[in-house]
Amino acid sequence: MLIRYKKTLEKIAMGLLSFMPNEKDLKKLQQTMREYETEEDWQLFLWKEEDIIGLLGVLYHKDTNSLEIQHISVNPSHRFQGVGKRMVKALKEMYADKEIIANENTAGFIEKCDIC
């Protein structure tokens, strides 16, 4: 189930976000988290099954009414089980009126999902 990020889940979110290649540096990771917490158009979601095992970060583009998937990460022990694909599908269902697009960091994965 896709849930909205809350500040109380910050450590879990930072841990999942740190698996993204561009978020390895602590200062960069903290800056990214700050943007998700303060920028109105940046939204962070967590994927919860029994535990929180995935993260999906999007940027809303008002001018094109689209959601750009900026970050997608799954706990390594839960990879290759379709979790990422389920997160993207849930996002598409949640925002059926918006186009879901990828950025250069997420395009390869999103294309494999064959959902967008």
PDB file of N, CA and C in Angstrom:
ATOM      1  N   MET A   1       0.852  -1.178   0.000  1.00  0.00           N
ATOM      2  CA  MET A   1       0.000   0.000   0.000  1.00  0.00           C
ATOM      3  C   MET A   1       0.897   1.241   0.000  1.00  0.00           C
ATOM      4  N   LEU A   2       0.569   2.181  -0.843  1.00  0.00           N
ATOM      5  CA  LEU A   2       1.303   3.432  -0.949  1.00  0.00           C
ATOM      6  C   LEU A   2       0.781   4.407   0.095  1.00  0.00           C
ATOM      7  N   ILE A   3       1.674   4.892   0.963  1.00  0.00           N
ATOM      8  CA  ILE A   3       1.282   5.856   1.999  1.00  0.00           C
ATOM      9  C   ILE A   3       2.122   7.117   1.850  1.00  0.00           C
ATOM     10  N   ARG A   4       1.542   8.236   2.265  1.00  0.00           N
ATOM     11  CA  ARG A   4       2.274   9.508   2.206  1.00  0.00           C
ATOM     12  C   ARG A   4       3.335   9.553   3.302  1.00  0.00           C
ATOM     13  N   TYR A   5       4.445  10.163   2.969  1.00  0.00           N
ATOM     14  CA  TYR A   5       5.536  10.352   3.916  1.00  0.00           C
ATOM     15  C   TYR A   5       5.102  11.257   5.055  1.00  0.00           C
ATOM     16  N   LYS A   6       5.519  10.900   6.264  1.00  0.00           N
ATOM     17  CA  LYS A   6       5.355  11.749   7.451  1.00  0.00           C
ATOM     18  C   LYS A   6       6.722  11.894   8.096  1.00  0.00           C
ATOM     19  N   LYS A   7       6.945  13.008   8.763  1.00  0.00           N
ATOM     20  CA  LYS A   7       8.232  13.301   9.399  1.00  0.00           C
ATOM     21  C   LYS A   7       8.666  12.179  10.354  1.00  0.00           C
ATOM     22  N   THR A   8       7.702  11.510  10.991  1.00  0.00           N
ATOM     23  CA  THR A   8       8.047  10.429  11.929  1.00  0.00           C
ATOM     24  C   THR A   8       8.706   9.246  11.219  1.00  0.00           C
ATOM     25  N   LEU A   9       8.592   9.184   9.908  1.00  0.00           N
ATOM     26  CA  LEU A   9       9.184   8.097   9.135  1.00  0.00           C
ATOM     27  C   LEU A   9      10.480   8.521   8.436  1.00  0.00           C
ATOM     28  N   GLU A  10      11.043   9.628   8.884  1.00  0.00           N
ATOM     29  CA  GLU A  10      12.210  10.205   8.211  1.00  0.00           C
ATOM     30  C   GLU A  10      13.390   9.239   8.102  1.00  0.00           C
ATOM     31  N   LYS A  11      13.741   8.547   9.178  1.00  0.00           N
ATOM     32  CA  LYS A  11      14.913   7.666   9.139  1.00  0.00           C
ATOM     33  C   LYS A  11      14.713   6.518   8.162  1.00  0.00           C
ATOM     34  N   ILE A  12      13.511   5.950   8.137  1.00  0.00           N
ATOM     35  CA  ILE A  12      13.208   4.871   7.197  1.00  0.00           C
ATOM     36  C   ILE A  12      13.304   5.404   5.767  1.00  0.00           C
ATOM     37  N   ALA A  13      12.713   6.577   5.526  1.00  0.00           N
ATOM     38  CA  ALA A  13      12.736   7.173   4.184  1.00  0.00           C
ATOM     39  C   ALA A  13      14.164   7.476   3.750  1.00  0.00           C
ATOM     40  N   MET A  14      14.960   8.026   4.646  1.00  0.00           N
ATOM     41  CA  MET A  14      16.351   8.339   4.298  1.00  0.00           C
ATOM     42  C   MET A  14      17.131   7.065   3.982  1.00  0.00           C
ATOM     43  N   GLY A  15      16.877   6.013   4.729  1.00  0.00           N
ATOM     44  CA  GLY A  15      17.548   4.740   4.469  1.00  0.00           C
ATOM     45  C   GLY A  15      17.223   4.207   3.087  1.00  0.00           C
ATOM     46  N   LEU A  16      15.950   4.238   2.726  1.00  0.00           N
ATOM     47  CA  LEU A  16      15.533   3.763   1.406  1.00  0.00           C
ATOM     48  C   LEU A  16      16.053   4.673   0.299  1.00  0.00           C
ATOM     49  N   LEU A  17      15.991   5.972   0.523  1.00  0.00           N
ATOM     50  CA  LEU A  17      16.457   6.934  -0.479  1.00  0.00           C
ATOM     51  C   LEU A  17      17.962   6.805  -0.713  1.00  0.00           C
ATOM     52  N   SER A  18      18.704   6.411   0.321  1.00  0.00           N
ATOM     53  CA  SER A  18      20.162   6.288   0.197  1.00  0.00           C
ATOM     54  C   SER A  18      20.578   5.167  -0.758  1.00  0.00           C
ATOM     55  N   PHE A  19      19.650   4.275  -1.131  1.00  0.00           N
ATOM     56  CA  PHE A  19      19.966   3.231  -2.109  1.00  0.00           C
ATOM     57  C   PHE A  19      20.024   3.783  -3.533  1.00  0.00           C
ATOM     58  N   MET A  20      19.485   4.995  -3.742  1.00  0.00           N
ATOM     59  CA  MET A  20      19.556   5.625  -5.062  1.00  0.00           C
ATOM     60  C   MET A  20      21.002   6.067  -5.311  1.00  0.00           C
ATOM     61  N   PRO A  21      21.537   5.783  -6.490  1.00  0.00           N
ATOM     62  CA  PRO A  21      22.943   6.120  -6.773  1.00  0.00           C
ATOM     63  C   PRO A  21      23.308   7.586  -6.521  1.00  0.00           C
ATOM     64  N   ASN A  22      22.403   8.519  -6.822  1.00  0.00           N
ATOM     65  CA  ASN A  22      22.713   9.943  -6.661  1.00  0.00           C
ATOM     66  C   ASN A  22      22.497  10.450  -5.245  1.00  0.00           C
ATOM     67  N   GLU A  23      22.087   9.578  -4.338  1.00  0.00           N
ATOM     68  CA  GLU A  23      21.776  10.014  -2.972  1.00  0.00           C
ATOM     69  C   GLU A  23      22.710   9.385  -1.934  1.00  0.00           C
ATOM     70  N   LYS A  24      23.883   8.961  -2.357  1.00  0.00           N
ATOM     71  CA  LYS A  24      24.831   8.307  -1.447  1.00  0.00           C
ATOM     72  C   LYS A  24      25.452   9.292  -0.452  1.00  0.00           C
ATOM     73  N   ASP A  25      25.704  10.520  -0.901  1.00  0.00           N
ATOM     74  CA  ASP A  25      26.328  11.540  -0.054  1.00  0.00           C
ATOM     75  C   ASP A  25      25.321  12.038   0.975  1.00  0.00           C
ATOM     76  N   LEU A  26      25.707  12.068   2.248  1.00  0.00           N
ATOM     77  CA  LEU A  26      24.791  12.444   3.328  1.00  0.00           C
ATOM     78  C   LEU A  26      24.222  13.843   3.147  1.00  0.00           C
ATOM     79  N   LYS A  27      25.041  14.813   2.756  1.00  0.00           N
ATOM     80  CA  LYS A  27      24.535  16.186   2.572  1.00  0.00           C
ATOM     81  C   LYS A  27      23.518  16.248   1.445  1.00  0.00           C
ATOM     82  N   LYS A  28      23.779  15.545   0.353  1.00  0.00           N
ATOM     83  CA  LYS A  28      22.831  15.499  -0.769  1.00  0.00           C
ATOM     84  C   LYS A  28      21.525  14.828  -0.326  1.00  0.00           C
ATOM     85  N   LEU A  29      21.646  13.750   0.414  1.00  0.00           N
ATOM     86  CA  LEU A  29      20.485  13.023   0.917  1.00  0.00           C
ATOM     87  C   LEU A  29      19.638  13.911   1.832  1.00  0.00           C
ATOM     88  N   GLN A  30      20.288  14.635   2.727  1.00  0.00           N
ATOM     89  CA  GLN A  30      19.567  15.547   3.632  1.00  0.00           C
ATOM     90  C   GLN A  30      18.887  16.667   2.856  1.00  0.00           C
ATOM     91  N   GLN A  31      19.549  17.177   1.830  1.00  0.00           N
ATOM     92  CA  GLN A  31      18.967  18.241   1.000  1.00  0.00           C
ATOM     93  C   GLN A  31      17.728  17.717   0.269  1.00  0.00           C
ATOM     94  N   THR A  32      17.820  16.528  -0.268  1.00  0.00           N
ATOM     95  CA  THR A  32      16.684  15.928  -0.972  1.00  0.00           C
ATOM     96  C   THR A  32      15.511  15.739  -0.008  1.00  0.00           C
ATOM     97  N   MET A  33      15.777  15.234   1.183  1.00  0.00           N
ATOM     98  CA  MET A  33      14.706  15.049   2.177  1.00  0.00           C
ATOM     99  C   MET A  33      14.064  16.385   2.534  1.00  0.00           C
ATOM    100  N   ARG A  34      14.888  17.410   2.676  1.00  0.00           N
ATOM    101  CA  ARG A  34      14.373  18.749   3.001  1.00  0.00           C
ATOM    102  C   ARG A  34      13.437  19.245   1.893  1.00  0.00           C
ATOM    103  N   GLU A  35      13.815  18.981   0.646  1.00  0.00           N
ATOM    104  CA  GLU A  35      12.962  19.399  -0.470  1.00  0.00           C
ATOM    105  C   GLU A  35      11.622  18.668  -0.436  1.00  0.00           C
ATOM    106  N   TYR A  36      11.634  17.376  -0.157  1.00  0.00           N
ATOM    107  CA  TYR A  36      10.373  16.638  -0.068  1.00  0.00           C
ATOM    108  C   TYR A  36       9.508  17.146   1.091  1.00  0.00           C
ATOM    109  N   GLU A  37      10.137  17.628   2.142  1.00  0.00           N
ATOM    110  CA  GLU A  37       9.387  18.110   3.303  1.00  0.00           C
ATOM    111  C   GLU A  37       8.874  19.535   3.135  1.00  0.00           C
ATOM    112  N   THR A  38       9.547  20.341   2.310  1.00  0.00           N
ATOM    113  CA  THR A  38       9.188  21.762   2.243  1.00  0.00           C
ATOM    114  C   THR A  38       8.587  22.216   0.913  1.00  0.00           C
ATOM    115  N   GLU A  39       8.933  21.561  -0.176  1.00  0.00           N
ATOM    116  CA  GLU A  39       8.447  21.984  -1.485  1.00  0.00           C
ATOM    117  C   GLU A  39       7.064  21.397  -1.755  1.00  0.00           C
ATOM    118  N   GLU A  40       6.139  22.247  -2.093  1.00  0.00           N
ATOM    119  CA  GLU A  40       4.753  21.836  -2.315  1.00  0.00           C
ATOM    120  C   GLU A  40       4.610  20.824  -3.451  1.00  0.00           C
ATOM    121  N   ASP A  41       5.409  20.967  -4.495  1.00  0.00           N
ATOM    122  CA  ASP A  41       5.283  20.105  -5.671  1.00  0.00           C
ATOM    123  C   ASP A  41       6.072  18.798  -5.570  1.00  0.00           C
ATOM    124  N   TRP A  42       6.835  18.624  -4.487  1.00  0.00           N
ATOM    125  CA  TRP A  42       7.596  17.393  -4.263  1.00  0.00           C
ATOM    126  C   TRP A  42       6.804  16.528  -3.296  1.00  0.00           C
ATOM    127  N   GLN A  43       6.524  15.286  -3.678  1.00  0.00           N
ATOM    128  CA  GLN A  43       5.774  14.387  -2.801  1.00  0.00           C
ATOM    129  C   GLN A  43       6.509  13.065  -2.666  1.00  0.00           C
ATOM    130  N   LEU A  44       6.549  12.583  -1.435  1.00  0.00           N
ATOM    131  CA  LEU A  44       7.243  11.337  -1.136  1.00  0.00           C
ATOM    132  C   LEU A  44       6.228  10.330  -0.616  1.00  0.00           C
ATOM    133  N   PHE A  45       6.308   9.117  -1.143  1.00  0.00           N
ATOM    134  CA  PHE A  45       5.426   8.039  -0.725  1.00  0.00           C
ATOM    135  C   PHE A  45       6.266   6.852  -0.274  1.00  0.00           C
ATOM    136  N   LEU A  46       5.730   6.099   0.665  1.00  0.00           N
ATOM    137  CA  LEU A  46       6.391   4.893   1.129  1.00  0.00           C
ATOM    138  C   LEU A  46       5.492   3.705   0.818  1.00  0.00           C
ATOM    139  N   TRP A  47       6.096   2.557   0.559  1.00  0.00           N
ATOM    140  CA  TRP A  47       5.342   1.344   0.263  1.00  0.00           C
ATOM    141  C   TRP A  47       5.373   0.462   1.501  1.00  0.00           C
ATOM    142  N   LYS A  48       4.167   0.184   2.018  1.00  0.00           N
ATOM    143  CA  LYS A  48       4.061  -0.607   3.235  1.00  0.00           C
ATOM    144  C   LYS A  48       3.348  -1.916   2.954  1.00  0.00           C
ATOM    145  N   GLU A  49       3.998  -2.993   3.309  1.00  0.00           N
ATOM    146  CA  GLU A  49       3.355  -4.297   3.316  1.00  0.00           C
ATOM    147  C   GLU A  49       3.247  -4.631   4.802  1.00  0.00           C
ATOM    148  N   GLU A  50       4.045  -5.562   5.316  1.00  0.00           N
ATOM    149  CA  GLU A  50       4.094  -5.712   6.778  1.00  0.00           C
ATOM    150  C   GLU A  50       4.965  -4.600   7.358  1.00  0.00           C
ATOM    151  N   ASP A  51       6.042  -4.317   6.670  1.00  0.00           N
ATOM    152  CA  ASP A  51       6.946  -3.223   7.026  1.00  0.00           C
ATOM    153  C   ASP A  51       7.019  -2.274   5.835  1.00  0.00           C
ATOM    154  N   ILE A  52       7.678  -1.145   6.050  1.00  0.00           N
ATOM    155  CA  ILE A  52       7.909  -0.216   4.940  1.00  0.00           C
ATOM    156  C   ILE A  52       9.130  -0.718   4.185  1.00  0.00           C
ATOM    157  N   ILE A  53       8.929  -1.052   2.911  1.00  0.00           N
ATOM    158  CA  ILE A  53      10.007  -1.673   2.137  1.00  0.00           C
ATOM    159  C   ILE A  53      10.348  -0.928   0.851  1.00  0.00           C
ATOM    160  N   GLY A  54       9.621   0.156   0.563  1.00  0.00           N
ATOM    161  CA  GLY A  54       9.891   0.878  -0.668  1.00  0.00           C
ATOM    162  C   GLY A  54       9.594   2.357  -0.548  1.00  0.00           C
ATOM    163  N   LEU A  55      10.101   3.107  -1.508  1.00  0.00           N
ATOM    164  CA  LEU A  55       9.943   4.559  -1.515  1.00  0.00           C
ATOM    165  C   LEU A  55       9.764   5.021  -2.953  1.00  0.00           C
ATOM    166  N   LEU A  56       8.908   6.024  -3.117  1.00  0.00           N
ATOM    167  CA  LEU A  56       8.638   6.605  -4.432  1.00  0.00           C
ATOM    168  C   LEU A  56       8.549   8.116  -4.240  1.00  0.00           C
ATOM    169  N   GLY A  57       9.383   8.856  -4.949  1.00  0.00           N
ATOM    170  CA  GLY A  57       9.375  10.311  -4.855  1.00  0.00           C
ATOM    171  C   GLY A  57       8.997  10.918  -6.187  1.00  0.00           C
ATOM    172  N   VAL A  58       8.057  11.848  -6.163  1.00  0.00           N
ATOM    173  CA  VAL A  58       7.578  12.456  -7.405  1.00  0.00           C
ATOM    174  C   VAL A  58       7.624  13.974  -7.345  1.00  0.00           C
ATOM    175  N   LEU A  59       7.703  14.568  -8.526  1.00  0.00           N
ATOM    176  CA  LEU A  59       7.641  16.016  -8.689  1.00  0.00           C
ATOM    177  C   LEU A  59       6.438  16.314  -9.563  1.00  0.00           C
ATOM    178  N   TYR A  60       5.516  17.124  -9.058  1.00  0.00           N
ATOM    179  CA  TYR A  60       4.304  17.470  -9.798  1.00  0.00           C
ATOM    180  C   TYR A  60       4.588  18.660 -10.697  1.00  0.00           C
ATOM    181  N   HIS A  61       4.330  18.498 -11.989  1.00  0.00           N
ATOM    182  CA  HIS A  61       4.475  19.580 -12.955  1.00  0.00           C
ATOM    183  C   HIS A  61       3.078  20.104 -13.277  1.00  0.00           C
ATOM    184  N   LYS A  62       2.731  21.255 -12.707  1.00  0.00           N
ATOM    185  CA  LYS A  62       1.390  21.829 -12.917  1.00  0.00           C
ATOM    186  C   LYS A  62       1.127  22.159 -14.375  1.00  0.00           C
ATOM    187  N   ASP A  63       2.153  22.679 -15.053  1.00  0.00           N
ATOM    188  CA  ASP A  63       1.973  23.123 -16.435  1.00  0.00           C
ATOM    189  C   ASP A  63       1.594  21.985 -17.385  1.00  0.00           C
ATOM    190  N   THR A  64       2.051  20.772 -17.100  1.00  0.00           N
ATOM    191  CA  THR A  64       1.730  19.629 -17.968  1.00  0.00           C
ATOM    192  C   THR A  64       0.817  18.614 -17.280  1.00  0.00           C
ATOM    193  N   ASN A  65       0.426  18.913 -16.034  1.00  0.00           N
ATOM    194  CA  ASN A  65      -0.414  18.013 -15.235  1.00  0.00           C
ATOM    195  C   ASN A  65       0.178  16.601 -15.206  1.00  0.00           C
ATOM    196  N   SER A  66       1.490  16.549 -14.929  1.00  0.00           N
ATOM    197  CA  SER A  66       2.172  15.258 -14.902  1.00  0.00           C
ATOM    198  C   SER A  66       2.949  15.084 -13.601  1.00  0.00           C
ATOM    199  N   LEU A  67       3.196  13.830 -13.260  1.00  0.00           N
ATOM    200  CA  LEU A  67       4.017  13.473 -12.108  1.00  0.00           C
ATOM    201  C   LEU A  67       5.288  12.825 -12.626  1.00  0.00           C
ATOM    202  N   GLU A  68       6.413  13.437 -12.285  1.00  0.00           N
ATOM    203  CA  GLU A  68       7.712  12.898 -12.690  1.00  0.00           C
ATOM    204  C   GLU A  68       8.257  12.050 -11.546  1.00  0.00           C
ATOM    205  N   ILE A  69       8.495  10.786 -11.812  1.00  0.00           N
ATOM    206  CA  ILE A  69       9.077   9.919 -10.787  1.00  0.00           C
ATOM    207  C   ILE A  69      10.564  10.232 -10.712  1.00  0.00           C
ATOM    208  N   GLN A  70      10.957  10.829  -9.592  1.00  0.00           N
ATOM    209  CA  GLN A  70      12.347  11.229  -9.385  1.00  0.00           C
ATOM    210  C   GLN A  70      13.152  10.155  -8.671  1.00  0.00           C
ATOM    211  N   HIS A  71      12.509   9.475  -7.741  1.00  0.00           N
ATOM    212  CA  HIS A  71      13.186   8.459  -6.932  1.00  0.00           C
ATOM    213  C   HIS A  71      12.290   7.236  -6.817  1.00  0.00           C
ATOM    214  N   ILE A  72      12.889   6.075  -6.944  1.00  0.00           N
ATOM    215  CA  ILE A  72      12.183   4.824  -6.674  1.00  0.00           C
ATOM    216  C   ILE A  72      13.210   3.866  -6.081  1.00  0.00           C
ATOM    217  N   SER A  73      12.879   3.321  -4.924  1.00  0.00           N
ATOM    218  CA  SER A  73      13.840   2.488  -4.219  1.00  0.00           C
ATOM    219  C   SER A  73      13.108   1.393  -3.453  1.00  0.00           C
ATOM    220  N   VAL A  74      13.683   0.214  -3.461  1.00  0.00           N
ATOM    221  CA  VAL A  74      13.130  -0.924  -2.729  1.00  0.00           C
ATOM    222  C   VAL A  74      14.241  -1.501  -1.856  1.00  0.00           C
ATOM    223  N   ASN A  75      13.898  -1.861  -0.645  1.00  0.00           N
ATOM    224  CA  ASN A  75      14.843  -2.502   0.263  1.00  0.00           C
ATOM    225  C   ASN A  75      15.477  -3.691  -0.468  1.00  0.00           C
ATOM    226  N   PRO A  76      16.812  -3.809  -0.444  1.00  0.00           N
ATOM    227  CA  PRO A  76      17.485  -4.878  -1.200  1.00  0.00           C
ATOM    228  C   PRO A  76      16.954  -6.281  -0.917  1.00  0.00           C
ATOM    229  N   SER A  77      16.510  -6.554   0.286  1.00  0.00           N
ATOM    230  CA  SER A  77      16.013  -7.904   0.592  1.00  0.00           C
ATOM    231  C   SER A  77      14.626  -8.167  -0.002  1.00  0.00           C
ATOM    232  N   HIS A  78      14.004  -7.156  -0.605  1.00  0.00           N
ATOM    233  CA  HIS A  78      12.683  -7.315  -1.211  1.00  0.00           C
ATOM    234  C   HIS A  78      12.704  -7.044  -2.718  1.00  0.00           C
ATOM    235  N   ARG A  79      13.887  -6.928  -3.294  1.00  0.00           N
ATOM    236  CA  ARG A  79      13.989  -6.653  -4.726  1.00  0.00           C
ATOM    237  C   ARG A  79      13.676  -7.892  -5.563  1.00  0.00           C
ATOM    238  N   PHE A  80      13.324  -7.651  -6.804  1.00  0.00           N
ATOM    239  CA  PHE A  80      13.002  -8.704  -7.785  1.00  0.00           C
ATOM    240  C   PHE A  80      11.753  -9.497  -7.389  1.00  0.00           C
ATOM    241  N   GLN A  81      10.850  -8.818  -6.661  1.00  0.00           N
ATOM    242  CA  GLN A  81       9.584  -9.441  -6.264  1.00  0.00           C
ATOM    243  C   GLN A  81       8.391  -8.620  -6.762  1.00  0.00           C
ATOM    244  N   GLY A  82       8.658  -7.631  -7.615  1.00  0.00           N
ATOM    245  CA  GLY A  82       7.584  -6.825  -8.187  1.00  0.00           C
ATOM    246  C   GLY A  82       7.138  -5.649  -7.333  1.00  0.00           C
ATOM    247  N   VAL A  83       7.869  -5.324  -6.269  1.00  0.00           N
ATOM    248  CA  VAL A  83       7.476  -4.233  -5.374  1.00  0.00           C
ATOM    249  C   VAL A  83       7.514  -2.894  -6.103  1.00  0.00           C
ATOM    250  N   GLY A  84       8.578  -2.631  -6.835  1.00  0.00           N
ATOM    251  CA  GLY A  84       8.697  -1.366  -7.562  1.00  0.00           C
ATOM    252  C   GLY A  84       7.573  -1.198  -8.570  1.00  0.00           C
ATOM    253  N   LYS A  85       7.278  -2.255  -9.276  1.00  0.00           N
ATOM    254  CA  LYS A  85       6.204  -2.223 -10.266  1.00  0.00           C
ATOM    255  C   LYS A  85       4.856  -1.947  -9.577  1.00  0.00           C
ATOM    256  N   ARG A  86       4.613  -2.568  -8.424  1.00  0.00           N
ATOM    257  CA  ARG A  86       3.362  -2.335  -7.689  1.00  0.00           C
ATOM    258  C   ARG A  86       3.271  -0.890  -7.204  1.00  0.00           C
ATOM    259  N   MET A  87       4.413  -0.303  -6.813  1.00  0.00           N
ATOM    260  CA  MET A  87       4.408   1.092  -6.367  1.00  0.00           C
ATOM    261  C   MET A  87       4.017   2.015  -7.525  1.00  0.00           C
ATOM    262  N   VAL A  88       4.596   1.794  -8.691  1.00  0.00           N
ATOM    263  CA  VAL A  88       4.293   2.631  -9.854  1.00  0.00           C
ATOM    264  C   VAL A  88       2.826   2.461 -10.254  1.00  0.00           C
ATOM    265  N   LYS A  89       2.345   1.236 -10.240  1.00  0.00           N
ATOM    266  CA  LYS A  89       0.939   0.971 -10.589  1.00  0.00           C
ATOM    267  C   LYS A  89      -0.002   1.659  -9.598  1.00  0.00           C
ATOM    268  N   ALA A  90       0.315   1.590  -8.308  1.00  0.00           N
ATOM    269  CA  ALA A  90      -0.518   2.243  -7.287  1.00  0.00           C
ATOM    270  C   ALA A  90      -0.515   3.758  -7.467  1.00  0.00           C
ATOM    271  N   LEU A  91       0.634   4.333  -7.823  1.00  0.00           N
ATOM    272  CA  LEU A  91       0.718   5.768  -8.071  1.00  0.00           C
ATOM    273  C   LEU A  91      -0.159   6.135  -9.258  1.00  0.00           C
ATOM    274  N   LYS A  92      -0.096   5.338 -10.316  1.00  0.00           N
ATOM    275  CA  LYS A  92      -0.901   5.597 -11.512  1.00  0.00           C
ATOM    276  C   LYS A  92      -2.393   5.517 -11.185  1.00  0.00           C
ATOM    277  N   GLU A  93      -2.783   4.574 -10.341  1.00  0.00           N
ATOM    278  CA  GLU A  93      -4.187   4.457  -9.937  1.00  0.00           C
ATOM    279  C   GLU A  93      -4.607   5.629  -9.057  1.00  0.00           C
ATOM    280  N   MET A  94      -3.705   6.057  -8.177  1.00  0.00           N
ATOM    281  CA  MET A  94      -3.993   7.162  -7.252  1.00  0.00           C
ATOM    282  C   MET A  94      -4.147   8.482  -8.014  1.00  0.00           C
ATOM    283  N   TYR A  95      -3.385   8.638  -9.087  1.00  0.00           N
ATOM    284  CA  TYR A  95      -3.401   9.871  -9.878  1.00  0.00           C
ATOM    285  C   TYR A  95      -3.757   9.549 -11.329  1.00  0.00           C
ATOM    286  N   ALA A  96      -4.893   8.929 -11.527  1.00  0.00           N
ATOM    287  CA  ALA A  96      -5.330   8.489 -12.858  1.00  0.00           C
ATOM    288  C   ALA A  96      -5.470   9.650 -13.842  1.00  0.00           C
ATOM    289  N   ASP A  97      -5.719  10.855 -13.335  1.00  0.00           N
ATOM    290  CA  ASP A  97      -5.906  12.023 -14.201  1.00  0.00           C
ATOM    291  C   ASP A  97      -4.589  12.679 -14.614  1.00  0.00           C
ATOM    292  N   LYS A  98      -3.453  12.151 -14.128  1.00  0.00           N
ATOM    293  CA  LYS A  98      -2.156  12.747 -14.435  1.00  0.00           C
ATOM    294  C   LYS A  98      -1.290  11.773 -15.226  1.00  0.00           C
ATOM    295  N   GLU A  99      -0.459  12.329 -16.080  1.00  0.00           N
ATOM    296  CA  GLU A  99       0.500  11.514 -16.815  1.00  0.00           C
ATOM    297  C   GLU A  99       1.666  11.207 -15.881  1.00  0.00           C
ATOM    298  N   ILE A 100       2.117   9.975 -15.877  1.00  0.00           N
ATOM    299  CA  ILE A 100       3.269   9.572 -15.079  1.00  0.00           C
ATOM    300  C   ILE A 100       4.469   9.518 -16.015  1.00  0.00           C
ATOM    301  N   ILE A 101       5.516  10.278 -15.677  1.00  0.00           N
ATOM    302  CA  ILE A 101       6.721  10.308 -16.509  1.00  0.00           C
ATOM    303  C   ILE A 101       7.937   9.989 -15.637  1.00  0.00           C
ATOM    304  N   ALA A 102       9.036   9.683 -16.271  1.00  0.00           N
ATOM    305  CA  ALA A 102      10.272   9.360 -15.555  1.00  0.00           C
ATOM    306  C   ALA A 102      11.313  10.435 -15.826  1.00  0.00           C
ATOM    307  N   ASN A 103      12.340  10.466 -14.986  1.00  0.00           N
ATOM    308  CA  ASN A 103      13.493  11.314 -15.278  1.00  0.00           C
ATOM    309  C   ASN A 103      14.638  10.404 -15.720  1.00  0.00           C
ATOM    310  N   GLU A 104      15.808  10.976 -15.936  1.00  0.00           N
ATOM    311  CA  GLU A 104      16.917  10.167 -16.445  1.00  0.00           C
ATOM    312  C   GLU A 104      17.338   9.073 -15.469  1.00  0.00           C
ATOM    313  N   ASN A 105      17.111   9.269 -14.174  1.00  0.00           N
ATOM    314  CA  ASN A 105      17.502   8.276 -13.174  1.00  0.00           C
ATOM    315  C   ASN A 105      16.503   7.132 -13.049  1.00  0.00           C
ATOM    316  N   THR A 106      15.257   7.365 -13.403  1.00  0.00           N
ATOM    317  CA  THR A 106      14.226   6.347 -13.200  1.00  0.00           C
ATOM    318  C   THR A 106      13.674   5.780 -14.511  1.00  0.00           C
ATOM    319  N   ALA A 107      14.074   6.344 -15.646  1.00  0.00           N
ATOM    320  CA  ALA A 107      13.508   5.956 -16.941  1.00  0.00           C
ATOM    321  C   ALA A 107      13.675   4.473 -17.247  1.00  0.00           C
ATOM    322  N   GLY A 108      14.846   3.932 -17.001  1.00  0.00           N
ATOM    323  CA  GLY A 108      15.085   2.520 -17.304  1.00  0.00           C
ATOM    324  C   GLY A 108      14.132   1.608 -16.566  1.00  0.00           C
ATOM    325  N   PHE A 109      13.931   1.887 -15.298  1.00  0.00           N
ATOM    326  CA  PHE A 109      13.024   1.046 -14.506  1.00  0.00           C
ATOM    327  C   PHE A 109      11.573   1.243 -14.936  1.00  0.00           C
ATOM    328  N   ILE A 110      11.169   2.485 -15.124  1.00  0.00           N
ATOM    329  CA  ILE A 110       9.778   2.784 -15.479  1.00  0.00           C
ATOM    330  C   ILE A 110       9.426   2.138 -16.821  1.00  0.00           C
ATOM    331  N   GLU A 111      10.358   2.132 -17.763  1.00  0.00           N
ATOM    332  CA  GLU A 111      10.103   1.484 -19.060  1.00  0.00           C
ATOM    333  C   GLU A 111       9.851  -0.013 -18.877  1.00  0.00           C
ATOM    334  N   LYS A 112      10.586  -0.650 -17.959  1.00  0.00           N
ATOM    335  CA  LYS A 112      10.407  -2.076 -17.693  1.00  0.00           C
ATOM    336  C   LYS A 112       9.027  -2.351 -17.085  1.00  0.00           C
ATOM    337  N   CYS A 113       8.486  -1.386 -16.368  1.00  0.00           N
ATOM    338  CA  CYS A 113       7.178  -1.576 -15.732  1.00  0.00           C
ATOM    339  C   CYS A 113       6.066  -1.705 -16.759  1.00  0.00           C
ATOM    340  N   ASP A 114       6.251  -1.089 -17.925  1.00  0.00           N
ATOM    341  CA  ASP A 114       5.259  -1.146 -18.998  1.00  0.00           C
ATOM    342  C   ASP A 114       3.875  -0.733 -18.498  1.00  0.00           C
ATOM    343  N   ILE A 115       3.866   0.296 -17.659  1.00  0.00           N
ATOM    344  CA  ILE A 115       2.605   0.774 -17.079  1.00  0.00           C
ATOM    345  C   ILE A 115       2.275   2.152 -17.609  1.00  0.00           C
ATOM    346  N   CYS A 116       3.301   2.954 -17.788  1.00  0.00           N
ATOM    347  CA  CYS A 116       3.081   4.350 -18.168  1.00  0.00           C
ATOM    348  C   CYS A 116       2.831   4.506 -19.645  1.00  0.00           C
TER     349      CYS A 116
END
